[in-house]
Each structure stands twice: as structure tokens, then as C-alpha cells.
Amino acid sequence: MAFLCVTRNMLSVLPLLVLISMTPFSSSYTPSDKVTKELVVQLCSKPAVYKNFCIAWLNSDPKTVTLDLHGLLGMVMKKTIGFGYKTIRMTQGLVNTTTDPNLKMIYGSCLTDYEQSTKGIDVAKGFASSKDYFSAFMAAFRAQNSISDCETLIEAQPIPAYFSRRVILFERMCSIGMFFSTILYKGK
């Protein structure tokens, strides 16, 4: 039992180490850099980000190109939180309506993960708004881990595709917030 706990804790730190190692130690980005479509493509092309999702998600909002990087991070966090709360409500409905005990357990566990993750992104947003990008990164990292627990739980389970898709999208949103926080932290 202790071995499983140690293994799980090591595995949860592994993405953090990978992300930090793939992010340059010095960044040419500053919080006041103006966001352009080209900058979005450049940021979304980093190895730690799901490029196609990131570009489409950010460019779908016309406000994106009116912001600086600090504002972009705030927008990413705000949109992630909104998506998280919508999914919490959907998941609560699934917990209440499913008659399958296995699905009820999975949805219940994922509901807890969504609540923790959404709260973590909200905390990260607070840190980001005060320009404490390292703390924002750490809070977003913890949020990412929480939703990754749900993602791991639903793998190889007969879960409706729409639910699995929301988990993946939310995980990607969290990773974008985490990565952008890292860029701004290292660019300060």
C-alpha cells in the first residue's frame, strides 16, 4: 500500500518535471507583450501544449488579440473555470440519474476531481491576477493533477464519449494555463 502511494506521488510530480525541463530557463516573453495571432501560434506550438486545440480555442475568442500576455493568462483561467463549473453541474446530474453503480462511482469520483481542479484554477487565477506567476503555475499544476486522476479513472471504462471528451478538454485547458504561467514566471 505504501509503495502505491509513493509511486502515485512520483507519477504526479513527473509531468511537472517534464514541463519545467521543456520550458526554456529564460523566456523572451513579458506580461505586457501584446497578443497577436502569430504569438498565439508560437505559444501554442510549444511541446507542452496541445497545439491544434490551443490555437483554435484562443483564436475563437475575438478578445484574444486585444490583450497582453498577462490578460491572456487571465482569460485562459476564466474560461477554464467557466468550463469546469458547467461540467461540475453536468456531472452532478449524471451522478443523480445513473442507475449503474460502477458509473455512479466513477462520476462521483470525477465530480470530486472537477471540484478540486476548478477550485485550483480559481486559486491560480488569483495568483496570476496579482502577477505571482510561480504560485499560479503551482496551483494550476495541482488542478491539472486533480483532473488527470479522473482521466486515469475513466480510461478503458464504458463511459459516454461526451463525458470523456469534456475531461480531455478541461485537462488541456488546465495545461495551457499552467504552461502560460510558467512562461510568464520565467519571463519576469
N, C-alpha and C. Protein backbone atom coordinates (compact mmCIF):
# COMPACT_ATOMS: atom_id res chain seq x y z
N MET A 1 0.83 -1.19 0.00
CA MET A 1 0.00 0.00 0.00
C MET A 1 0.87 1.26 0.00
N ALA A 2 1.91 1.27 0.84
CA ALA A 2 2.80 2.43 0.90
C ALA A 2 3.51 2.62 -0.44
N PHE A 3 3.87 1.52 -1.07
CA PHE A 3 4.54 1.61 -2.36
C PHE A 3 3.64 2.27 -3.40
N LEU A 4 2.35 1.92 -3.40
CA LEU A 4 1.43 2.53 -4.35
C LEU A 4 1.31 4.03 -4.13
N CYS A 5 1.30 4.45 -2.87
CA CYS A 5 1.20 5.87 -2.56
C CYS A 5 2.45 6.62 -3.04
N VAL A 6 3.62 6.04 -2.80
CA VAL A 6 4.87 6.66 -3.24
C VAL A 6 4.91 6.70 -4.76
N THR A 7 4.52 5.60 -5.40
CA THR A 7 4.52 5.56 -6.85
C THR A 7 3.57 6.61 -7.42
N ARG A 8 2.37 6.71 -6.86
CA ARG A 8 1.39 7.69 -7.34
C ARG A 8 1.92 9.11 -7.16
N ASN A 9 2.54 9.40 -6.01
CA ASN A 9 3.09 10.74 -5.78
C ASN A 9 4.22 11.04 -6.75
N MET A 10 5.06 10.08 -7.04
CA MET A 10 6.14 10.28 -8.01
C MET A 10 5.56 10.52 -9.40
N LEU A 11 4.53 9.76 -9.76
CA LEU A 11 3.93 9.92 -11.08
C LEU A 11 3.23 11.27 -11.21
N SER A 12 2.72 11.80 -10.10
CA SER A 12 2.05 13.09 -10.20
C SER A 12 3.07 14.23 -10.32
N VAL A 13 4.29 14.04 -9.89
CA VAL A 13 5.33 15.06 -10.00
C VAL A 13 6.01 14.99 -11.36
N LEU A 14 5.95 13.83 -11.99
CA LEU A 14 6.62 13.63 -13.26
C LEU A 14 6.22 14.65 -14.33
N PRO A 15 4.91 14.94 -14.54
CA PRO A 15 4.57 15.95 -15.55
C PRO A 15 5.16 17.33 -15.24
N LEU A 16 5.24 17.68 -13.97
CA LEU A 16 5.84 18.95 -13.57
C LEU A 16 7.30 19.01 -14.00
N LEU A 17 8.02 17.94 -13.75
CA LEU A 17 9.44 17.91 -14.12
C LEU A 17 9.61 17.96 -15.63
N VAL A 18 8.76 17.26 -16.35
CA VAL A 18 8.83 17.27 -17.81
C VAL A 18 8.54 18.67 -18.34
N LEU A 19 7.49 19.31 -17.82
CA LEU A 19 7.12 20.65 -18.27
C LEU A 19 8.24 21.65 -18.01
N ILE A 20 8.79 21.60 -16.82
CA ILE A 20 9.87 22.53 -16.49
C ILE A 20 11.08 22.28 -17.37
N SER A 21 11.37 21.02 -17.67
CA SER A 21 12.55 20.72 -18.49
C SER A 21 12.35 21.13 -19.95
N MET A 22 11.09 21.17 -20.42
CA MET A 22 10.83 21.54 -21.81
C MET A 22 10.68 23.04 -21.99
N THR A 23 10.54 23.78 -20.91
CA THR A 23 10.36 25.21 -20.99
C THR A 23 11.73 25.86 -20.84
N PRO A 24 12.09 26.77 -21.72
CA PRO A 24 13.38 27.41 -21.62
C PRO A 24 13.54 28.12 -20.27
N PHE A 25 14.78 28.15 -19.75
CA PHE A 25 15.01 28.78 -18.46
C PHE A 25 14.88 30.29 -18.53
N SER A 26 15.12 30.84 -19.67
CA SER A 26 14.85 32.27 -19.80
C SER A 26 13.81 32.41 -20.91
N SER A 27 12.93 33.30 -20.70
CA SER A 27 11.86 33.49 -21.66
C SER A 27 11.96 34.89 -22.24
N SER A 28 11.65 35.00 -23.49
CA SER A 28 11.67 36.31 -24.12
C SER A 28 10.30 36.97 -24.01
N TYR A 29 9.38 36.34 -23.28
CA TYR A 29 8.04 36.87 -23.12
C TYR A 29 7.92 37.68 -21.83
N THR A 30 7.16 38.76 -21.91
CA THR A 30 6.87 39.54 -20.71
C THR A 30 5.36 39.68 -20.59
N PRO A 31 4.86 39.92 -19.38
CA PRO A 31 3.42 40.04 -19.18
C PRO A 31 2.77 41.14 -20.04
N SER A 32 3.54 42.14 -20.41
CA SER A 32 2.97 43.25 -21.17
C SER A 32 3.05 43.06 -22.69
N ASP A 33 3.59 41.93 -23.16
CA ASP A 33 3.65 41.67 -24.60
C ASP A 33 2.24 41.61 -25.18
N LYS A 34 2.04 42.29 -26.31
CA LYS A 34 0.75 42.31 -27.00
C LYS A 34 0.52 40.97 -27.67
N VAL A 35 -0.68 40.44 -27.53
CA VAL A 35 -1.03 39.15 -28.14
C VAL A 35 -1.45 39.39 -29.58
N THR A 36 -0.87 38.61 -30.47
CA THR A 36 -1.24 38.61 -31.88
C THR A 36 -1.56 37.17 -32.26
N LYS A 37 -2.15 36.99 -33.43
CA LYS A 37 -2.42 35.63 -33.89
C LYS A 37 -1.12 34.85 -34.06
N GLU A 38 -0.07 35.53 -34.48
CA GLU A 38 1.23 34.88 -34.64
C GLU A 38 1.79 34.44 -33.29
N LEU A 39 1.62 35.28 -32.27
CA LEU A 39 2.10 34.93 -30.94
C LEU A 39 1.31 33.74 -30.38
N VAL A 40 0.01 33.71 -30.66
CA VAL A 40 -0.80 32.57 -30.22
C VAL A 40 -0.26 31.28 -30.83
N VAL A 41 0.02 31.31 -32.13
CA VAL A 41 0.57 30.12 -32.80
C VAL A 41 1.92 29.76 -32.20
N GLN A 42 2.76 30.75 -31.95
CA GLN A 42 4.07 30.50 -31.36
C GLN A 42 3.93 29.86 -29.98
N LEU A 43 3.09 30.42 -29.13
CA LEU A 43 2.90 29.88 -27.77
C LEU A 43 2.28 28.48 -27.82
N CYS A 44 1.31 28.31 -28.68
CA CYS A 44 0.61 27.03 -28.75
C CYS A 44 1.43 25.94 -29.43
N SER A 45 2.53 26.30 -30.02
CA SER A 45 3.38 25.32 -30.70
C SER A 45 4.44 24.72 -29.78
N LYS A 46 4.45 25.13 -28.53
CA LYS A 46 5.40 24.57 -27.57
C LYS A 46 5.03 23.11 -27.28
N PRO A 47 6.03 22.28 -27.02
CA PRO A 47 5.77 20.84 -26.82
C PRO A 47 4.80 20.51 -25.68
N ALA A 48 4.69 21.36 -24.69
CA ALA A 48 3.85 21.06 -23.53
C ALA A 48 2.36 21.35 -23.77
N VAL A 49 2.01 21.85 -24.96
CA VAL A 49 0.64 22.29 -25.23
C VAL A 49 0.07 21.49 -26.40
N TYR A 50 -1.23 21.24 -26.37
CA TYR A 50 -1.93 20.58 -27.47
C TYR A 50 -2.20 21.65 -28.52
N LYS A 51 -1.32 21.72 -29.51
CA LYS A 51 -1.26 22.82 -30.46
C LYS A 51 -2.60 23.14 -31.12
N ASN A 52 -3.21 22.18 -31.79
CA ASN A 52 -4.43 22.46 -32.55
C ASN A 52 -5.56 22.94 -31.65
N PHE A 53 -5.72 22.31 -30.50
CA PHE A 53 -6.76 22.75 -29.56
C PHE A 53 -6.46 24.16 -29.08
N CYS A 54 -5.25 24.42 -28.67
CA CYS A 54 -4.85 25.70 -28.11
C CYS A 54 -5.10 26.83 -29.11
N ILE A 55 -4.65 26.66 -30.34
CA ILE A 55 -4.82 27.71 -31.36
C ILE A 55 -6.30 27.96 -31.62
N ALA A 56 -7.05 26.90 -31.83
CA ALA A 56 -8.48 27.06 -32.13
C ALA A 56 -9.22 27.69 -30.95
N TRP A 57 -8.92 27.23 -29.73
CA TRP A 57 -9.60 27.73 -28.54
C TRP A 57 -9.34 29.21 -28.32
N LEU A 58 -8.07 29.62 -28.41
CA LEU A 58 -7.73 31.01 -28.17
C LEU A 58 -8.18 31.93 -29.30
N ASN A 59 -8.02 31.49 -30.54
CA ASN A 59 -8.40 32.33 -31.68
C ASN A 59 -9.91 32.42 -31.86
N SER A 60 -10.67 31.53 -31.22
CA SER A 60 -12.13 31.59 -31.35
C SER A 60 -12.72 32.76 -30.57
N ASP A 61 -11.94 33.34 -29.68
CA ASP A 61 -12.41 34.48 -28.89
C ASP A 61 -11.78 35.75 -29.46
N PRO A 62 -12.57 36.67 -30.00
CA PRO A 62 -12.01 37.89 -30.60
C PRO A 62 -11.26 38.76 -29.59
N LYS A 63 -11.52 38.59 -28.29
CA LYS A 63 -10.82 39.38 -27.27
C LYS A 63 -9.35 39.01 -27.18
N THR A 64 -8.99 37.81 -27.65
CA THR A 64 -7.62 37.33 -27.51
C THR A 64 -6.60 38.34 -28.02
N VAL A 65 -6.82 38.87 -29.22
CA VAL A 65 -5.84 39.78 -29.82
C VAL A 65 -5.94 41.21 -29.31
N THR A 66 -6.78 41.43 -28.31
CA THR A 66 -6.85 42.76 -27.70
C THR A 66 -6.12 42.79 -26.36
N LEU A 67 -5.51 41.66 -26.00
CA LEU A 67 -4.91 41.51 -24.67
C LEU A 67 -3.39 41.53 -24.73
N ASP A 68 -2.79 41.68 -23.55
CA ASP A 68 -1.37 41.40 -23.41
C ASP A 68 -1.27 39.99 -22.81
N LEU A 69 -0.05 39.47 -22.64
CA LEU A 69 0.10 38.10 -22.14
C LEU A 69 -0.49 37.93 -20.74
N HIS A 70 -0.37 38.94 -19.90
CA HIS A 70 -0.97 38.87 -18.58
C HIS A 70 -2.48 38.71 -18.69
N GLY A 71 -3.10 39.50 -19.55
CA GLY A 71 -4.54 39.42 -19.78
C GLY A 71 -4.95 38.10 -20.41
N LEU A 72 -4.10 37.57 -21.30
CA LEU A 72 -4.38 36.28 -21.93
C LEU A 72 -4.42 35.17 -20.89
N LEU A 73 -3.47 35.19 -19.97
CA LEU A 73 -3.46 34.19 -18.92
C LEU A 73 -4.73 34.29 -18.08
N GLY A 74 -5.14 35.51 -17.75
CA GLY A 74 -6.39 35.70 -17.01
C GLY A 74 -7.59 35.17 -17.77
N MET A 75 -7.63 35.41 -19.08
CA MET A 75 -8.73 34.93 -19.90
C MET A 75 -8.75 33.40 -19.94
N VAL A 76 -7.58 32.79 -20.10
CA VAL A 76 -7.48 31.33 -20.11
C VAL A 76 -8.01 30.75 -18.81
N MET A 77 -7.60 31.34 -17.70
CA MET A 77 -8.05 30.86 -16.39
C MET A 77 -9.57 31.03 -16.25
N LYS A 78 -10.09 32.18 -16.65
CA LYS A 78 -11.53 32.46 -16.53
C LYS A 78 -12.34 31.48 -17.36
N LYS A 79 -11.91 31.24 -18.59
CA LYS A 79 -12.63 30.31 -19.47
C LYS A 79 -12.55 28.87 -18.93
N THR A 80 -11.41 28.52 -18.38
CA THR A 80 -11.24 27.18 -17.81
C THR A 80 -12.16 26.99 -16.61
N ILE A 81 -12.24 28.00 -15.76
CA ILE A 81 -13.12 27.94 -14.59
C ILE A 81 -14.58 27.79 -15.04
N GLY A 82 -14.99 28.59 -16.02
CA GLY A 82 -16.36 28.51 -16.53
C GLY A 82 -16.70 27.12 -17.06
N PHE A 83 -15.77 26.55 -17.83
CA PHE A 83 -15.97 25.20 -18.37
C PHE A 83 -16.03 24.19 -17.23
N GLY A 84 -15.18 24.38 -16.22
CA GLY A 84 -15.18 23.48 -15.07
C GLY A 84 -16.50 23.49 -14.34
N TYR A 85 -17.06 24.68 -14.08
CA TYR A 85 -18.35 24.76 -13.37
C TYR A 85 -19.49 24.16 -14.18
N LYS A 86 -19.48 24.36 -15.49
CA LYS A 86 -20.51 23.74 -16.33
C LYS A 86 -20.42 22.22 -16.26
N THR A 87 -19.20 21.72 -16.27
CA THR A 87 -19.01 20.27 -16.22
C THR A 87 -19.34 19.71 -14.83
N ILE A 88 -19.09 20.49 -13.79
CA ILE A 88 -19.50 20.06 -12.45
C ILE A 88 -21.01 19.86 -12.41
N ARG A 89 -21.75 20.84 -12.94
CA ARG A 89 -23.22 20.72 -12.95
C ARG A 89 -23.67 19.50 -13.76
N MET A 90 -23.04 19.28 -14.92
CA MET A 90 -23.38 18.13 -15.74
C MET A 90 -23.08 16.83 -15.00
N THR A 91 -21.93 16.78 -14.35
CA THR A 91 -21.51 15.57 -13.65
C THR A 91 -22.42 15.30 -12.45
N GLN A 92 -22.83 16.34 -11.75
CA GLN A 92 -23.78 16.16 -10.65
C GLN A 92 -25.07 15.53 -11.16
N GLY A 93 -25.52 15.97 -12.31
CA GLY A 93 -26.71 15.38 -12.93
C GLY A 93 -26.50 13.91 -13.26
N LEU A 94 -25.32 13.57 -13.77
CA LEU A 94 -25.03 12.18 -14.10
C LEU A 94 -24.99 11.31 -12.84
N VAL A 95 -24.40 11.83 -11.77
CA VAL A 95 -24.35 11.09 -10.51
C VAL A 95 -25.78 10.81 -10.03
N ASN A 96 -26.64 11.81 -10.14
CA ASN A 96 -28.01 11.69 -9.64
C ASN A 96 -28.92 10.82 -10.51
N THR A 97 -28.61 10.68 -11.79
CA THR A 97 -29.54 9.99 -12.68
C THR A 97 -29.09 8.60 -13.11
N THR A 98 -27.80 8.28 -13.00
CA THR A 98 -27.36 6.97 -13.46
C THR A 98 -27.84 5.88 -12.51
N THR A 99 -28.18 4.74 -13.08
CA THR A 99 -28.59 3.60 -12.27
C THR A 99 -27.48 2.55 -12.19
N ASP A 100 -26.42 2.74 -12.96
CA ASP A 100 -25.28 1.82 -12.95
C ASP A 100 -24.37 2.17 -11.78
N PRO A 101 -24.19 1.25 -10.82
CA PRO A 101 -23.37 1.56 -9.64
C PRO A 101 -21.91 1.87 -10.00
N ASN A 102 -21.37 1.22 -11.02
CA ASN A 102 -19.99 1.48 -11.44
C ASN A 102 -19.87 2.90 -11.99
N LEU A 103 -20.82 3.30 -12.85
CA LEU A 103 -20.80 4.66 -13.39
C LEU A 103 -21.03 5.69 -12.29
N LYS A 104 -21.91 5.40 -11.35
CA LYS A 104 -22.17 6.32 -10.24
C LYS A 104 -20.87 6.57 -9.45
N MET A 105 -20.09 5.51 -9.22
CA MET A 105 -18.81 5.65 -8.50
C MET A 105 -17.82 6.48 -9.33
N ILE A 106 -17.74 6.19 -10.61
CA ILE A 106 -16.81 6.92 -11.48
C ILE A 106 -17.20 8.39 -11.56
N TYR A 107 -18.48 8.67 -11.82
CA TYR A 107 -18.94 10.05 -11.91
C TYR A 107 -18.73 10.78 -10.58
N GLY A 108 -18.99 10.09 -9.48
CA GLY A 108 -18.80 10.71 -8.16
C GLY A 108 -17.34 11.07 -7.91
N SER A 109 -16.45 10.17 -8.28
CA SER A 109 -15.03 10.44 -8.12
C SER A 109 -14.59 11.58 -9.03
N CYS A 110 -15.05 11.56 -10.27
CA CYS A 110 -14.70 12.63 -11.21
C CYS A 110 -15.30 13.96 -10.77
N LEU A 111 -16.47 13.92 -10.16
CA LEU A 111 -17.07 15.15 -9.65
C LEU A 111 -16.16 15.79 -8.60
N THR A 112 -15.65 14.97 -7.70
CA THR A 112 -14.70 15.47 -6.69
C THR A 112 -13.46 16.05 -7.36
N ASP A 113 -12.95 15.34 -8.37
CA ASP A 113 -11.76 15.81 -9.08
C ASP A 113 -12.03 17.13 -9.79
N TYR A 114 -13.21 17.26 -10.42
CA TYR A 114 -13.58 18.51 -11.08
C TYR A 114 -13.69 19.66 -10.09
N GLU A 115 -14.30 19.38 -8.95
CA GLU A 115 -14.44 20.43 -7.94
C GLU A 115 -13.07 20.90 -7.45
N GLN A 116 -12.18 19.95 -7.17
CA GLN A 116 -10.83 20.32 -6.72
C GLN A 116 -10.07 21.05 -7.81
N SER A 117 -10.18 20.57 -9.02
CA SER A 117 -9.45 21.15 -10.13
C SER A 117 -9.94 22.56 -10.45
N THR A 118 -11.26 22.73 -10.48
CA THR A 118 -11.83 24.05 -10.78
C THR A 118 -11.46 25.05 -9.68
N LYS A 119 -11.51 24.60 -8.44
CA LYS A 119 -11.10 25.46 -7.33
C LYS A 119 -9.61 25.82 -7.47
N GLY A 120 -8.80 24.84 -7.87
CA GLY A 120 -7.36 25.09 -8.06
C GLY A 120 -7.09 26.13 -9.15
N ILE A 121 -7.85 26.05 -10.24
CA ILE A 121 -7.68 27.04 -11.31
C ILE A 121 -8.14 28.41 -10.83
N ASP A 122 -9.18 28.45 -10.01
CA ASP A 122 -9.63 29.71 -9.44
C ASP A 122 -8.54 30.33 -8.55
N VAL A 123 -7.88 29.49 -7.77
CA VAL A 123 -6.76 29.96 -6.95
C VAL A 123 -5.62 30.45 -7.85
N ALA A 124 -5.34 29.69 -8.91
CA ALA A 124 -4.28 30.07 -9.86
C ALA A 124 -4.61 31.42 -10.51
N LYS A 125 -5.88 31.63 -10.82
CA LYS A 125 -6.31 32.89 -11.42
C LYS A 125 -6.03 34.06 -10.47
N GLY A 126 -6.28 33.85 -9.19
CA GLY A 126 -5.99 34.89 -8.20
C GLY A 126 -4.52 35.22 -8.14
N PHE A 127 -3.68 34.20 -8.15
CA PHE A 127 -2.24 34.43 -8.15
C PHE A 127 -1.80 35.13 -9.43
N ALA A 128 -2.35 34.69 -10.56
CA ALA A 128 -1.98 35.30 -11.84
C ALA A 128 -2.39 36.77 -11.88
N SER A 129 -3.56 37.09 -11.35
CA SER A 129 -4.01 38.48 -11.38
C SER A 129 -3.10 39.38 -10.55
N SER A 130 -2.48 38.82 -9.51
CA SER A 130 -1.54 39.61 -8.71
C SER A 130 -0.10 39.46 -9.22
N LYS A 131 0.05 38.84 -10.38
CA LYS A 131 1.34 38.65 -11.06
C LYS A 131 2.31 37.76 -10.28
N ASP A 132 1.76 36.88 -9.47
CA ASP A 132 2.57 35.86 -8.80
C ASP A 132 2.48 34.60 -9.67
N TYR A 133 3.24 34.61 -10.76
CA TYR A 133 3.11 33.58 -11.78
C TYR A 133 3.61 32.22 -11.32
N PHE A 134 4.60 32.19 -10.44
CA PHE A 134 5.07 30.90 -9.94
C PHE A 134 3.97 30.22 -9.13
N SER A 135 3.32 30.96 -8.23
CA SER A 135 2.22 30.38 -7.45
C SER A 135 1.05 30.01 -8.34
N ALA A 136 0.81 30.80 -9.38
CA ALA A 136 -0.24 30.47 -10.35
C ALA A 136 0.08 29.14 -11.03
N PHE A 137 1.34 28.98 -11.41
CA PHE A 137 1.78 27.73 -12.03
C PHE A 137 1.55 26.55 -11.10
N MET A 138 1.96 26.70 -9.83
CA MET A 138 1.83 25.60 -8.87
C MET A 138 0.35 25.25 -8.64
N ALA A 139 -0.51 26.24 -8.53
CA ALA A 139 -1.94 25.98 -8.33
C ALA A 139 -2.53 25.31 -9.58
N ALA A 140 -2.12 25.76 -10.75
CA ALA A 140 -2.61 25.15 -12.00
C ALA A 140 -2.08 23.73 -12.14
N PHE A 141 -0.86 23.49 -11.67
CA PHE A 141 -0.29 22.14 -11.70
C PHE A 141 -1.12 21.20 -10.83
N ARG A 142 -1.48 21.65 -9.63
CA ARG A 142 -2.30 20.82 -8.74
C ARG A 142 -3.68 20.57 -9.37
N ALA A 143 -4.23 21.59 -10.02
CA ALA A 143 -5.52 21.43 -10.71
C ALA A 143 -5.40 20.40 -11.83
N GLN A 144 -4.32 20.47 -12.56
CA GLN A 144 -4.06 19.52 -13.64
C GLN A 144 -3.99 18.09 -13.09
N ASN A 145 -3.32 17.92 -11.98
CA ASN A 145 -3.22 16.60 -11.37
C ASN A 145 -4.59 16.08 -10.96
N SER A 146 -5.42 16.94 -10.41
CA SER A 146 -6.75 16.51 -9.97
C SER A 146 -7.57 15.98 -11.14
N ILE A 147 -7.58 16.71 -12.24
CA ILE A 147 -8.39 16.26 -13.37
C ILE A 147 -7.73 15.07 -14.06
N SER A 148 -6.42 14.94 -13.95
CA SER A 148 -5.74 13.77 -14.51
C SER A 148 -6.16 12.50 -13.77
N ASP A 149 -6.50 12.64 -12.48
CA ASP A 149 -6.99 11.49 -11.72
C ASP A 149 -8.28 10.97 -12.34
N CYS A 150 -9.18 11.87 -12.71
CA CYS A 150 -10.44 11.48 -13.37
C CYS A 150 -10.14 10.84 -14.72
N GLU A 151 -9.23 11.44 -15.46
CA GLU A 151 -8.89 10.92 -16.78
C GLU A 151 -8.36 9.49 -16.67
N THR A 152 -7.53 9.24 -15.67
CA THR A 152 -6.99 7.90 -15.45
C THR A 152 -8.11 6.94 -15.08
N LEU A 153 -9.04 7.39 -14.26
CA LEU A 153 -10.15 6.55 -13.81
C LEU A 153 -11.05 6.11 -14.96
N ILE A 154 -11.27 6.98 -15.92
CA ILE A 154 -12.22 6.65 -16.99
C ILE A 154 -11.58 5.90 -18.15
N GLU A 155 -10.26 5.79 -18.16
CA GLU A 155 -9.61 5.04 -19.23
C GLU A 155 -10.11 3.59 -19.21
N ALA A 156 -10.41 3.08 -20.35
CA ALA A 156 -10.86 1.70 -20.53
C ALA A 156 -12.16 1.40 -19.80
N GLN A 157 -12.96 2.42 -19.53
CA GLN A 157 -14.27 2.24 -18.91
C GLN A 157 -15.34 2.56 -19.96
N PRO A 158 -16.48 1.94 -19.86
CA PRO A 158 -17.56 2.24 -20.81
C PRO A 158 -18.27 3.54 -20.43
N ILE A 159 -17.58 4.64 -20.66
CA ILE A 159 -18.07 5.98 -20.33
C ILE A 159 -18.58 6.63 -21.62
N PRO A 160 -19.68 7.35 -21.55
CA PRO A 160 -20.15 8.07 -22.74
C PRO A 160 -19.06 9.00 -23.30
N ALA A 161 -18.96 9.05 -24.60
CA ALA A 161 -17.91 9.82 -25.27
C ALA A 161 -17.97 11.30 -24.90
N TYR A 162 -19.17 11.86 -24.75
CA TYR A 162 -19.26 13.28 -24.42
C TYR A 162 -18.62 13.59 -23.07
N PHE A 163 -18.71 12.66 -22.13
CA PHE A 163 -18.10 12.88 -20.82
C PHE A 163 -16.57 12.79 -20.93
N SER A 164 -16.09 11.77 -21.59
CA SER A 164 -14.64 11.61 -21.78
C SER A 164 -14.06 12.83 -22.49
N ARG A 165 -14.76 13.31 -23.48
CA ARG A 165 -14.29 14.47 -24.25
C ARG A 165 -14.16 15.71 -23.35
N ARG A 166 -15.13 15.92 -22.47
CA ARG A 166 -15.07 17.08 -21.56
C ARG A 166 -13.89 16.97 -20.61
N VAL A 167 -13.61 15.77 -20.15
CA VAL A 167 -12.46 15.58 -19.26
C VAL A 167 -11.18 15.95 -19.99
N ILE A 168 -11.04 15.48 -21.22
CA ILE A 168 -9.84 15.76 -22.01
C ILE A 168 -9.73 17.26 -22.30
N LEU A 169 -10.83 17.90 -22.68
CA LEU A 169 -10.79 19.33 -22.97
C LEU A 169 -10.40 20.14 -21.72
N PHE A 170 -10.97 19.79 -20.58
CA PHE A 170 -10.64 20.50 -19.35
C PHE A 170 -9.18 20.30 -18.98
N GLU A 171 -8.69 19.09 -19.16
CA GLU A 171 -7.28 18.81 -18.87
C GLU A 171 -6.38 19.66 -19.77
N ARG A 172 -6.75 19.81 -21.02
CA ARG A 172 -5.97 20.63 -21.95
C ARG A 172 -6.02 22.11 -21.56
N MET A 173 -7.19 22.57 -21.14
CA MET A 173 -7.31 23.96 -20.69
C MET A 173 -6.43 24.21 -19.48
N CYS A 174 -6.44 23.28 -18.54
CA CYS A 174 -5.59 23.41 -17.35
C CYS A 174 -4.11 23.45 -17.74
N SER A 175 -3.73 22.60 -18.69
CA SER A 175 -2.32 22.56 -19.08
C SER A 175 -1.89 23.85 -19.77
N ILE A 176 -2.80 24.48 -20.53
CA ILE A 176 -2.48 25.76 -21.17
C ILE A 176 -2.27 26.83 -20.10
N GLY A 177 -3.15 26.90 -19.11
CA GLY A 177 -2.98 27.85 -18.01
C GLY A 177 -1.69 27.62 -17.26
N MET A 178 -1.38 26.36 -17.03
CA MET A 178 -0.15 26.01 -16.32
C MET A 178 1.07 26.44 -17.14
N PHE A 179 1.05 26.14 -18.42
CA PHE A 179 2.19 26.47 -19.28
C PHE A 179 2.37 27.98 -19.44
N PHE A 180 1.27 28.70 -19.66
CA PHE A 180 1.37 30.16 -19.79
C PHE A 180 1.88 30.79 -18.50
N SER A 181 1.48 30.25 -17.36
CA SER A 181 2.00 30.74 -16.07
C SER A 181 3.51 30.55 -16.00
N THR A 182 3.98 29.41 -16.49
CA THR A 182 5.41 29.12 -16.49
C THR A 182 6.16 30.11 -17.37
N ILE A 183 5.61 30.38 -18.54
CA ILE A 183 6.26 31.32 -19.46
C ILE A 183 6.39 32.70 -18.81
N LEU A 184 5.32 33.15 -18.17
CA LEU A 184 5.36 34.47 -17.55
C LEU A 184 6.24 34.49 -16.31
N TYR A 185 6.26 33.40 -15.57
CA TYR A 185 7.15 33.32 -14.41
C TYR A 185 8.62 33.40 -14.84
N LYS A 186 8.95 32.65 -15.87
CA LYS A 186 10.34 32.64 -16.33
C LYS A 186 10.72 33.90 -17.10
N GLY A 187 9.71 34.63 -17.57
CA GLY A 187 9.99 35.85 -18.33
C GLY A 187 10.12 37.09 -17.46
N LYS A 188 9.74 36.98 -16.19
CA LYS A 188 9.78 38.15 -15.30
C LYS A 188 11.19 38.59 -15.01
